[in-house]
Every structure is written in structure tokens, then in C-alpha cells.
Protein backbone atom coordinates (compact mmCIF):
# COMPACT_ATOMS: atom_id res chain seq x y z
CA MET A 1 91.67 126.77 166.66
CA ILE A 2 95.11 124.57 166.99
CA THR A 3 98.00 127.07 168.45
CA ARG A 4 101.33 124.95 166.92
CA PRO A 5 103.31 123.34 169.25
CA ILE A 6 105.87 125.98 169.22
CA GLN A 7 103.66 128.96 169.74
CA ALA A 8 102.84 126.61 172.97
CA TYR A 9 105.75 126.22 174.13
CA LEU A 10 106.74 129.66 173.75
CA ARG A 11 103.60 131.07 175.90
CA ASN A 12 104.43 128.42 178.46
CA LEU A 13 108.46 129.53 178.42
CA HIS A 14 107.50 133.48 178.32
CA LYS A 15 104.84 132.89 181.55
CA SER A 16 107.66 130.28 183.49
CA TYR A 17 110.37 133.23 183.11
CA SER A 18 108.63 136.14 183.57
CA THR A 19 108.66 135.80 187.25
CA LEU A 20 112.96 135.76 186.61
CA LEU A 21 113.85 139.65 188.17
CA ASP A 22 117.17 138.91 189.14
CA GLY A 23 119.58 141.47 187.53
CA ALA A 24 119.97 145.33 186.45
CA GLN A 25 119.97 147.17 183.80
CA ALA A 26 123.22 148.91 181.86
CA ASP A 27 123.96 152.41 183.50
CA TYR A 28 127.35 153.31 181.99
CA ILE A 29 125.13 154.39 178.99
CA PRO A 30 122.59 156.76 181.05
CA GLU A 31 119.64 156.26 178.50
CA LEU A 32 119.46 152.09 178.29
CA THR A 33 118.44 152.65 182.25
CA GLN A 34 115.19 155.02 180.63
CA VAL A 35 113.82 151.62 179.23
CA ASP A 36 111.44 149.40 180.88
CA PRO A 37 113.01 146.86 182.51
CA ASP A 38 110.42 144.23 183.13
CA PHE A 39 109.97 144.12 178.73
CA PHE A 40 110.09 140.49 177.79
CA GLY A 41 110.13 139.00 174.23
CA ILE A 42 110.44 135.73 172.61
CA ALA A 43 110.79 135.56 168.83
CA LEU A 44 111.66 132.28 166.65
CA VAL A 45 112.16 132.24 162.71
CA THR A 46 112.37 129.40 160.78
CA VAL A 47 114.42 129.11 157.82
CA ASP A 48 110.98 128.34 156.14
CA GLY A 49 109.72 131.64 157.38
CA HIS A 50 107.17 131.02 160.27
CA VAL A 51 107.56 133.56 162.81
CA TYR A 52 106.52 132.69 166.61
CA GLN A 53 106.69 134.99 168.97
CA GLU A 54 105.32 135.67 172.84
CA GLY A 55 105.47 139.13 174.75
CA ASP A 56 106.86 142.17 174.41
CA THR A 57 107.87 141.79 170.63
CA ARG A 58 107.15 144.86 169.18
CA GLU A 59 109.14 147.16 171.65
CA PRO A 60 111.81 149.37 169.64
CA PHE A 61 115.06 149.18 171.32
CA SER A 62 119.09 149.60 170.32
CA ILE A 63 121.05 146.74 169.05
CA GLN A 64 123.88 147.74 171.03
CA SER A 65 126.58 144.55 170.39
CA ILE A 66 124.29 142.18 167.84
CA SER A 67 125.06 144.86 165.64
CA LYS A 68 128.60 143.48 166.07
CA PRO A 69 128.87 139.58 163.26
CA PHE A 70 126.61 141.55 161.06
CA VAL A 71 128.88 144.60 160.10
CA TYR A 72 131.94 142.30 160.72
CA GLY A 73 129.92 140.25 157.66
CA MET A 74 129.74 143.66 155.31
CA ALA A 75 133.18 143.79 156.02
CA LEU A 76 134.10 140.51 154.86
CA GLU A 77 131.63 141.07 151.62
CA GLU A 78 133.37 144.37 151.11
CA HIS A 79 136.99 143.31 151.20
CA GLY A 80 137.14 139.20 151.37
CA ILE A 81 138.63 137.23 154.17
CA GLU A 82 142.65 137.43 153.89
CA LYS A 83 142.32 141.62 154.59
CA VAL A 84 139.88 141.39 156.92
CA LEU A 85 141.82 139.11 158.92
CA THR A 86 144.92 141.92 158.95
CA LYS A 87 142.63 144.36 160.46
CA VAL A 88 140.89 141.82 163.02
CA GLY A 89 141.75 138.68 164.34
CA MET A 90 139.31 135.32 164.96
CA GLU A 91 140.75 134.00 168.42
CA PRO A 92 138.65 134.32 171.61
CA SER A 93 139.62 136.46 173.95
CA GLY A 94 138.49 135.05 177.48
CA ASP A 95 137.84 138.95 177.83
CA ALA A 96 134.38 141.35 179.19
CA PHE A 97 133.49 143.42 175.79
CA ASN A 98 134.91 146.27 176.29
CA SER A 99 138.11 145.18 177.13
CA ILE A 100 141.80 146.01 175.11
CA SER A 101 142.59 143.08 174.41
CA LEU A 102 145.42 143.24 170.65
CA ASP A 103 147.64 140.40 169.55
CA GLU A 104 151.08 141.38 171.07
CA GLU A 105 153.28 141.72 167.82
CA SER A 106 150.55 143.14 165.75
CA GLY A 107 148.04 145.69 167.57
CA ARG A 108 145.30 143.55 166.05
CA PRO A 109 142.25 143.17 168.12
CA MET A 110 141.86 139.71 169.16
CA ASN A 111 138.10 139.22 167.66
CA PRO A 112 135.22 141.51 166.10
CA MET A 113 133.00 140.57 168.97
CA ILE A 114 134.81 142.86 171.37
CA ASN A 115 134.75 146.67 170.63
CA ALA A 116 138.25 146.86 169.58
CA GLY A 117 137.42 144.44 167.02
CA ALA A 118 134.03 145.65 166.14
CA ILE A 119 135.70 149.18 165.89
CA SER A 120 137.75 147.94 163.38
CA SER A 121 135.52 146.08 161.78
CA THR A 122 133.38 149.20 161.33
CA SER A 123 136.32 151.30 159.99
CA LEU A 124 136.16 149.10 156.50
CA ILE A 125 132.44 149.65 155.50
CA PRO A 126 132.95 151.94 152.73
CA GLY A 127 131.65 155.51 151.40
CA GLU A 128 132.16 158.43 150.40
CA ASP A 129 131.72 160.55 153.71
CA HIS A 130 129.70 159.45 156.87
CA ASP A 131 126.13 159.82 156.05
CA SER A 132 127.10 157.75 152.97
CA ARG A 133 128.51 154.74 155.26
CA LEU A 134 125.81 155.02 157.72
CA ALA A 135 123.28 154.40 154.82
CA HIS A 136 125.38 151.31 153.79
CA ILE A 137 125.19 149.98 156.94
CA LEU A 138 121.22 150.74 157.34
CA GLY A 139 120.73 149.61 153.62
CA LYS A 140 122.05 145.82 154.92
CA PHE A 141 120.24 145.84 157.67
CA GLU A 142 116.93 146.67 155.56
CA LYS A 143 117.81 143.30 154.06
CA TYR A 144 118.09 141.11 157.15
CA ILE A 145 114.86 142.31 158.79
CA GLY A 146 112.90 143.39 155.62
CA ALA A 147 112.63 146.86 156.74
CA ARG A 148 114.67 149.82 156.81
CA PRO A 149 115.69 150.40 160.62
CA THR A 150 116.15 154.19 161.91
CA ILE A 151 118.97 154.95 164.60
CA GLN A 152 117.47 155.91 168.08
CA GLU A 153 119.37 158.98 168.32
CA SER A 154 118.97 159.63 172.28
CA VAL A 155 120.83 156.65 172.53
CA TYR A 156 123.11 157.94 169.63
CA ARG A 157 123.77 161.11 171.99
CA SER A 158 124.10 159.40 175.34
CA GLU A 159 127.04 156.45 174.13
CA SER A 160 128.94 159.77 172.18
CA GLU A 161 128.94 161.74 175.06
CA THR A 162 130.17 158.65 177.21
CA GLY A 163 132.13 156.51 175.01
CA HIS A 164 135.31 157.84 176.45
CA ARG A 165 136.67 154.15 177.27
CA ASN A 166 135.62 153.67 173.78
CA ARG A 167 137.41 156.19 172.07
CA ALA A 168 140.56 154.96 174.05
CA ILE A 169 140.19 151.47 172.72
CA GLY A 170 139.69 153.14 168.91
CA TYR A 171 143.17 155.05 169.39
CA MET A 172 145.03 151.54 170.65
CA PRO A 173 144.86 149.94 167.24
CA ARG A 174 145.22 153.77 165.05
CA ASN A 175 148.83 153.19 167.00
CA PHE A 176 149.55 150.24 165.77
CA GLY A 177 148.47 151.45 161.82
CA ILE A 178 145.15 148.71 161.95
CA LEU A 179 143.33 152.16 161.85
CA GLU A 180 144.72 153.98 159.26
CA GLU A 181 142.68 157.14 159.76
CA ASP A 182 142.13 159.22 162.72
CA PRO A 183 139.26 156.97 164.46
CA THR A 184 136.74 160.08 165.53
CA GLU A 185 135.00 159.26 162.28
CA ASP A 186 134.75 155.44 163.02
CA LEU A 187 133.93 155.88 166.45
CA GLU A 188 130.96 157.96 165.90
CA LEU A 189 129.52 155.45 163.42
CA TYR A 190 130.19 152.75 165.43
CA PHE A 191 128.14 154.23 168.22
CA GLN A 192 125.22 155.38 165.43
CA GLN A 193 125.94 151.05 164.65
CA CYS A 194 124.54 150.59 167.96
CA ALA A 195 122.36 152.66 168.63
CA ILE A 196 120.27 151.26 165.45
CA SER A 197 116.75 150.53 166.36
CA VAL A 198 115.54 147.31 166.49
CA THR A 199 112.32 145.11 167.70
CA CYS A 200 112.89 141.74 169.05
CA ARG A 201 110.73 140.52 166.12
CA ASP A 202 113.71 142.19 163.99
CA LEU A 203 116.57 140.22 165.63
CA ALA A 204 114.63 137.05 165.14
CA MET A 205 114.20 137.68 161.91
CA MET A 206 118.26 138.46 161.67
CA ALA A 207 119.05 135.10 163.02
CA GLY A 208 116.80 133.45 161.17
CA THR A 209 118.33 135.15 157.91
CA LEU A 210 121.48 133.82 159.19
CA ALA A 211 120.09 130.37 159.94
CA ASN A 212 119.01 130.48 156.30
CA HIS A 213 122.39 130.28 155.15
CA GLY A 214 122.48 134.56 154.64
CA VAL A 215 118.66 134.71 153.13
CA ASN A 216 115.81 136.36 154.98
CA PRO A 217 113.22 133.92 155.06
CA VAL A 218 110.50 135.44 154.58
CA THR A 219 111.66 138.19 151.86
CA GLY A 220 114.05 135.96 149.94
CA ILE A 221 116.38 138.55 149.51
CA ARG A 222 120.00 137.56 150.53
CA ALA A 223 121.44 139.94 152.76
CA LEU A 224 124.93 138.27 152.81
CA LYS A 225 126.93 135.80 151.14
CA GLU A 226 127.00 132.21 152.12
CA PRO A 227 130.65 131.97 152.06
CA TYR A 228 131.25 134.38 154.55
CA VAL A 229 128.10 132.76 156.94
CA GLU A 230 129.61 130.36 158.68
CA LYS A 231 132.55 132.80 158.91
CA VAL A 232 130.25 134.92 161.12
CA LEU A 233 128.59 132.28 162.72
CA ALA A 234 132.06 130.94 164.30
CA VAL A 235 133.25 134.16 165.68
CA MET A 236 129.89 134.29 167.37
CA ALA A 237 130.35 130.61 168.45
CA SER A 238 133.77 131.27 169.91
CA CYS A 239 133.13 134.93 170.69
CA GLY A 240 129.86 136.00 170.80
CA MET A 241 129.07 135.72 174.48
CA TYR A 242 132.45 137.56 175.64
CA ASP A 243 134.07 136.07 178.71
CA TYR A 244 130.73 133.83 179.26
CA ALA A 245 131.66 132.01 175.35
CA GLY A 246 133.06 129.03 177.32
CA SER A 247 130.11 128.14 179.05
CA TRP A 248 127.55 129.33 176.65
CA ILE A 249 128.93 126.39 173.86
CA TYR A 250 129.52 123.81 176.42
CA GLU A 251 125.78 124.34 177.98
CA VAL A 252 123.50 125.83 175.11
CA GLY A 253 125.93 125.30 171.91
CA LEU A 254 124.47 127.21 169.62
CA PRO A 255 126.54 130.74 167.65
CA ALA A 256 124.85 132.92 169.88
CA LYS A 257 125.23 137.21 170.32
CA SER A 258 124.61 139.42 172.70
CA GLY A 259 124.10 143.33 173.69
CA VAL A 260 123.89 145.37 176.31
CA SER A 261 120.23 146.64 175.92
CA GLY A 262 118.86 143.55 176.91
CA GLY A 263 118.75 141.48 173.33
CA VAL A 264 120.37 138.13 172.88
CA ILE A 265 120.24 136.03 169.68
CA ALA A 266 120.84 132.24 169.27
CA ILE A 267 121.05 130.36 165.98
CA LEU A 268 120.50 126.73 165.11
CA PRO A 269 122.31 126.59 161.02
CA GLY A 270 119.86 125.14 158.28
CA GLN A 271 116.46 125.33 160.91
CA PHE A 272 115.87 128.57 163.11
CA GLY A 273 117.26 131.40 164.44
CA ILE A 274 115.52 132.82 168.27
CA ALA A 275 115.85 136.25 169.76
CA ILE A 276 114.89 137.13 173.20
CA PHE A 277 114.21 141.09 175.05
CA SER A 278 114.96 141.60 178.37
CA PRO A 279 117.18 144.43 179.95
CA ARG A 280 118.30 143.14 183.02
CA LEU A 281 121.76 141.66 182.77
CA ASP A 282 124.11 139.49 184.63
CA PRO A 283 127.55 140.89 186.10
CA LYS A 284 128.88 140.10 182.44
CA GLY A 285 126.41 142.25 180.21
CA ASN A 286 124.59 139.49 179.09
CA SER A 287 121.27 139.42 179.73
CA ILE A 288 119.14 136.74 182.52
CA ARG A 289 116.40 136.10 180.81
CA GLY A 290 117.92 136.01 177.75
CA ILE A 291 120.38 133.39 178.60
CA GLU A 292 117.85 131.12 180.72
CA VAL A 293 115.60 131.04 177.82
CA CYS A 294 118.20 130.06 175.70
CA ARG A 295 118.98 127.33 177.83
CA GLN A 296 115.95 125.86 178.15
CA VAL A 297 114.96 125.76 174.61
CA SER A 298 118.59 123.90 173.64
CA ARG A 299 117.77 121.05 176.97
CA ASP A 300 114.05 120.42 176.00
CA PHE A 301 114.93 120.00 172.21
CA GLY A 302 118.28 118.66 172.45
CA LEU A 303 119.56 121.55 170.39
CA HIS A 304 123.17 121.49 171.06
CA MET A 305 125.18 122.10 167.66
CA LEU A 306 127.14 119.31 168.04
CA THR A 307 124.83 116.46 168.32
CA THR A 308 121.90 117.69 166.50
CA GLY A 309 121.33 116.32 162.76
CA ARG A 310 121.16 117.78 159.38
CA PRO A 311 116.98 117.70 158.28
CA SER A 312 116.04 116.42 155.15
CA ALA A 313 115.65 118.66 152.14
CA SER A 314 111.60 118.01 152.26
CA ALA A 315 110.56 115.55 155.24
CA ILE A 316 107.21 115.24 153.84
CA ARG A 317 107.27 112.43 151.02
CA THR A 318 104.11 111.98 149.78
CA GLN A 319 100.47 113.46 151.56
CA TYR A 320 97.07 112.44 150.78
CA ASP A 321 93.28 111.61 151.50
CA ALA A 322 91.27 107.98 152.28
CA ALA A 323 89.09 108.78 149.63
CA ALA A 324 92.40 109.56 146.37
CA VAL A 325 94.17 106.91 147.92
CA LYS A 326 92.70 103.34 148.99
CA SER A 327 93.80 100.74 151.03
CA LYS A 328 94.17 97.18 149.77
CA ARG A 329 91.11 96.21 152.03
CA ILE A 330 88.33 94.65 150.54
CA ARG A 331 85.32 96.01 151.97
CA THR A 332 81.36 96.26 151.78
CA SER A 333 79.43 98.54 149.23
CA GLY A 334 78.60 100.49 151.98
CA GLN A 335 81.66 100.84 153.51
CA ALA A 336 83.26 101.90 149.91
CA ASP A 337 80.85 104.33 149.50
CA LEU A 338 81.51 105.98 152.59
CA LEU A 339 84.71 105.86 152.29
CA ASN A 340 84.34 108.00 148.43
CA ASP A 341 82.40 110.76 150.05
CA GLN A 342 83.74 111.11 153.69
CA GLY A 343 87.86 110.13 152.98
CA TYR A 344 89.09 112.87 152.14
CA ARG A 345 88.32 113.56 156.30
CA ILE A 346 90.92 110.89 156.84
CA GLN A 347 94.59 112.51 156.11
CA THR A 348 97.92 110.39 155.81
CA TRP A 349 101.53 111.95 155.42
CA GLU A 350 104.02 109.38 154.61
CA LEU A 351 107.58 110.68 156.56
CA HIS A 352 111.35 110.27 155.32
CA GLY A 353 114.64 111.51 155.77
CA ASN A 354 116.07 112.80 159.19
CA LEU A 355 113.23 114.46 161.63
CA VAL A 356 115.05 117.38 163.95
CA PHE A 357 113.72 120.63 165.20
CA GLY A 358 113.31 122.38 161.27
CA SER A 359 112.01 119.46 159.84
CA THR A 360 109.20 118.65 162.26
CA GLU A 361 108.04 122.27 162.48
CA TYR A 362 107.66 121.84 158.58
CA VAL A 363 105.27 118.78 159.34
CA ILE A 364 103.34 120.21 161.61
CA ASP A 365 102.75 123.45 159.88
CA ASP A 366 101.38 121.51 156.87
CA ILE A 367 99.17 119.65 159.03
CA VAL A 368 97.76 122.17 161.21
CA ARG A 369 96.79 124.54 157.87
CA LYS A 370 95.02 121.07 156.64
CA LEU A 371 92.69 120.67 159.41
CA ASP A 372 89.99 122.13 159.59
CA GLN A 373 89.32 119.50 156.42
CA ALA A 374 90.09 116.53 158.57
CA ASP A 375 89.30 114.80 161.18
CA CYS A 376 91.66 111.93 161.43
CA ILE A 377 95.77 112.36 161.38
CA ILE A 378 98.00 109.85 160.26
CA VAL A 379 101.49 110.20 160.28
CA ASP A 380 103.21 106.99 158.97
CA PHE A 381 107.27 106.52 159.62
CA LYS A 382 108.17 103.65 157.51
CA ARG A 383 111.16 105.36 156.01
CA VAL A 384 112.48 108.31 158.42
CA PHE A 385 115.80 107.09 159.27
CA SER A 386 116.08 109.00 162.35
CA THR A 387 114.38 111.55 164.78
CA ASP A 388 115.74 113.36 167.88
CA LEU A 389 114.08 114.78 171.22
CA ALA A 390 112.72 117.93 169.46
CA THR A 391 110.99 115.43 166.91
CA ALA A 392 109.44 113.99 169.83
CA ARG A 393 108.30 117.10 171.85
CA LEU A 394 106.41 118.42 169.15
CA LEU A 395 104.79 115.93 167.99
CA GLN A 396 103.64 115.55 171.70
CA GLY A 397 102.36 118.87 172.11
CA LEU A 398 100.86 118.26 168.12
CA ALA A 399 98.80 115.23 169.61
CA GLU A 400 97.75 117.05 172.63
CA GLN A 401 96.32 119.99 170.41
CA ILE A 402 94.66 117.83 167.84
CA ASN A 403 93.00 115.64 170.34
CA ASP A 404 91.95 118.28 172.72
CA ALA A 405 90.24 119.82 169.56
CA GLY A 406 87.63 116.71 169.60
CA LYS A 407 90.09 114.68 166.56
CA PHE A 408 92.46 111.76 166.01
CA ILE A 409 96.11 111.48 165.17
CA TYR A 410 97.51 108.21 164.63
CA PHE A 411 101.42 107.82 164.33
CA THR A 412 102.37 104.51 162.67
CA HIS A 413 105.21 102.27 161.80
CA PHE A 414 107.65 105.01 164.40
CA SER A 415 108.80 101.39 166.41
CA SER A 416 112.55 101.89 164.98
CA ASN A 417 112.51 105.00 165.95
CA TYR A 418 114.20 104.99 169.93
CA GLN A 419 113.72 108.81 170.66
CA LEU A 420 110.00 108.85 169.78
CA VAL A 421 109.25 105.21 171.48
CA ARG A 422 111.62 106.03 174.65
CA TYR A 423 109.69 109.74 175.11
């Protein structure tokens, strides 16, 4: 059984960082300390709907601040960009998530990722009453995840009982008229929003949906209208990691969001979403393992969004076997008979366009699915314009797996692809 290169990579990555035990759980929400600090899961969902996961990816935990960009997207859909911008800005604050960062003149929160801005976003969720507004949020999250989530009531009660600072934050935009009503109900809805129960796999699916232009890559259901996806990703890129956002975009280069329960999501638009769950946090409130895993993935595959190329719509130009498509070489009758009989065991993939992480993963998946009927794989790069580090690493992993299975793989016409030759 061939292990796909991405799965093997995640397995090694999980093993490598399982020994990282730095950090501590958030204790200002007492219920969060009840979660096992050793939980560690990594999940990755591609825009083609392939799901890779390793470790504790099915353990439920509260979503916390990772809910913020998704509720912000809901507000944009309900009211439009101009209306939302009167309630919450998009500028990085450079402050911690629970800071009181308001525009000096308008009183508008600086961005939707800090708590003040998130509470303002939540206030824009419509509904006849509290229960209908909560149902609206859960219904939207169902489109992202593919299953309807629930609320972790114990976490909600813990947040509500100890959320004095958030209550103070909520009354500041009310003072400036940003919140048009008493913020009590909005605050309770915000506490419930943060207590939505998810798994690492759920978060990866949500991230993969944003990577796939707002469409769930497994169910095909649209969760967010496409014009608003780039707005959500923009604030995630500039503000999603709070006062670590500058270092994050410099080092990792992916739109991301963290939560104090230990979750981190990151998105490479058009290719994949990744999620990590590990409850031990650094002083800024970010999962230490989550940060390190994302940093390692970005470095290993060259995924910084400012340098990675666009994948082709389909990297496979054509695919055939040696019995169906024969070369012009003159063969003996015995050789011709052998090719007619066993040529299907030689499978060729002709590739074209630009190969990056997403398009290469698609090619590898197609090869692995057809490997049972092949002994020899030929991958032709004659019409490939460009490749990157991710392509080289993934193809190396594929070659190692195929060789270990006692089969053969040959790469042809890639001498002009510097990255492959160099690797």
C-alpha cells in the first residue's frame, strides 16, 4: 500500500514536533484547562477535496477566536462591504487580541480579528431573536464543515461567567454608536460563537473552503460568496495573528488565524487549507506547535503567498498506457506481442502548465490511484513551464514510495526545470 507523500510528510512532521512541550494552556477561561495539553493534530484539505490528517484530529475543542473571520464573512454577506466598514475597520492594530483598539475619531474597532472588532461583527448577524441569530451562525458553519456543529455549553458558561474584560470592550463601541443597542445580547452570542465545538479536521475543512474560493471542497456547497473571500483572507493575513502578525507574514506568508484553545488555521489560496490543534500557547496566545508546524511547512515547500505560483487548471495534459499508445520505434513481432499483452503495465502521464503544491498533489493522487495496474510510471515534463520546491519534494516522496513497492518511476524532459534539477 503506497502512502501518499503528503500523508507521509505530515506523519513525520507530527512525530518531530510531538516532543515540543513548551508553553501553557490559557487559564483565564477556566474550562480550557480541562483539555489534555498533549493533544496534537494536523489536518490538511486540498481544493480538490483530498483530506490528510495525522494525530488527534477528531478530538473536539472550542473554536474560540478562529470563529472571527468566518463571522466577519457572514457580516459582509449580510450587509455589504461599505456598511461593515462603518462598524469595523481593516487596519492591523499591533496589539493583543483583547486590547481596546478603537479609531480615535469614529470609535470604530481597528479590525475584525481583535475582540472589539469581532463583537462588532457578531452584532451584525441578523435574526428575530437570540436563538435565531445563533442558528444562523451554526447554519453557516455547517456549510464550511459539512456537518452542523454544536456549542460546548460548559465552555460558553465559563466564558460568560469570566468575560468581564470582553463586556468592558463591548461597551466601548456602544459608547460611540458602533453597537446600536445594549451589547449584552451581542456579547452572549459572541461567547457562544467562541464556544462552537470543532475538531482539527473541521478547521482544515473550513480553511480549505476559503482556499477554494468559498466552496466546500468535499460537499461542493458554497459557504461564502466569492467576492468576500479575498476580504476575509486579507484581514487574516494582516491581523489574524494579532501582535505576531508582522512576523508571521514575514516568515510564513499565509493568511492565518489562531485561537486560545490551541487551534491554528492557514490558507494557501487556490491550493489548500491546513489546521493544527495543540493547546500549549506562547505568551501571545498562539499555539506553539501550531506556529512551528506552519513555519516548517511553508519553509519545506516554499509556500509563501508572495512567491508561490498559480497552479494550472489541470496539470495532466493526457494519460495513457503503452498498449494504447505505442512509440514509433520498430519492434520485433515478439516485442510487439508483449507490448500488446502487458503494455498496460507501463503508464505515462504527460504534464503541462505550472506545477506547484496543489497541482502536483493532484497529479500524485491520480498516479497512486492507478498504481495497482502499473509496474512502470513515466512522468513527462516536456510541456511543463515551471516547477517549485513543493513539486520537487512531493515527487521525491512519490519516487521513494514507488521504489519501496518494487516498481519503477521515470521523469523525462525536465532538464530545463531548474528546481527539479537542483533538487
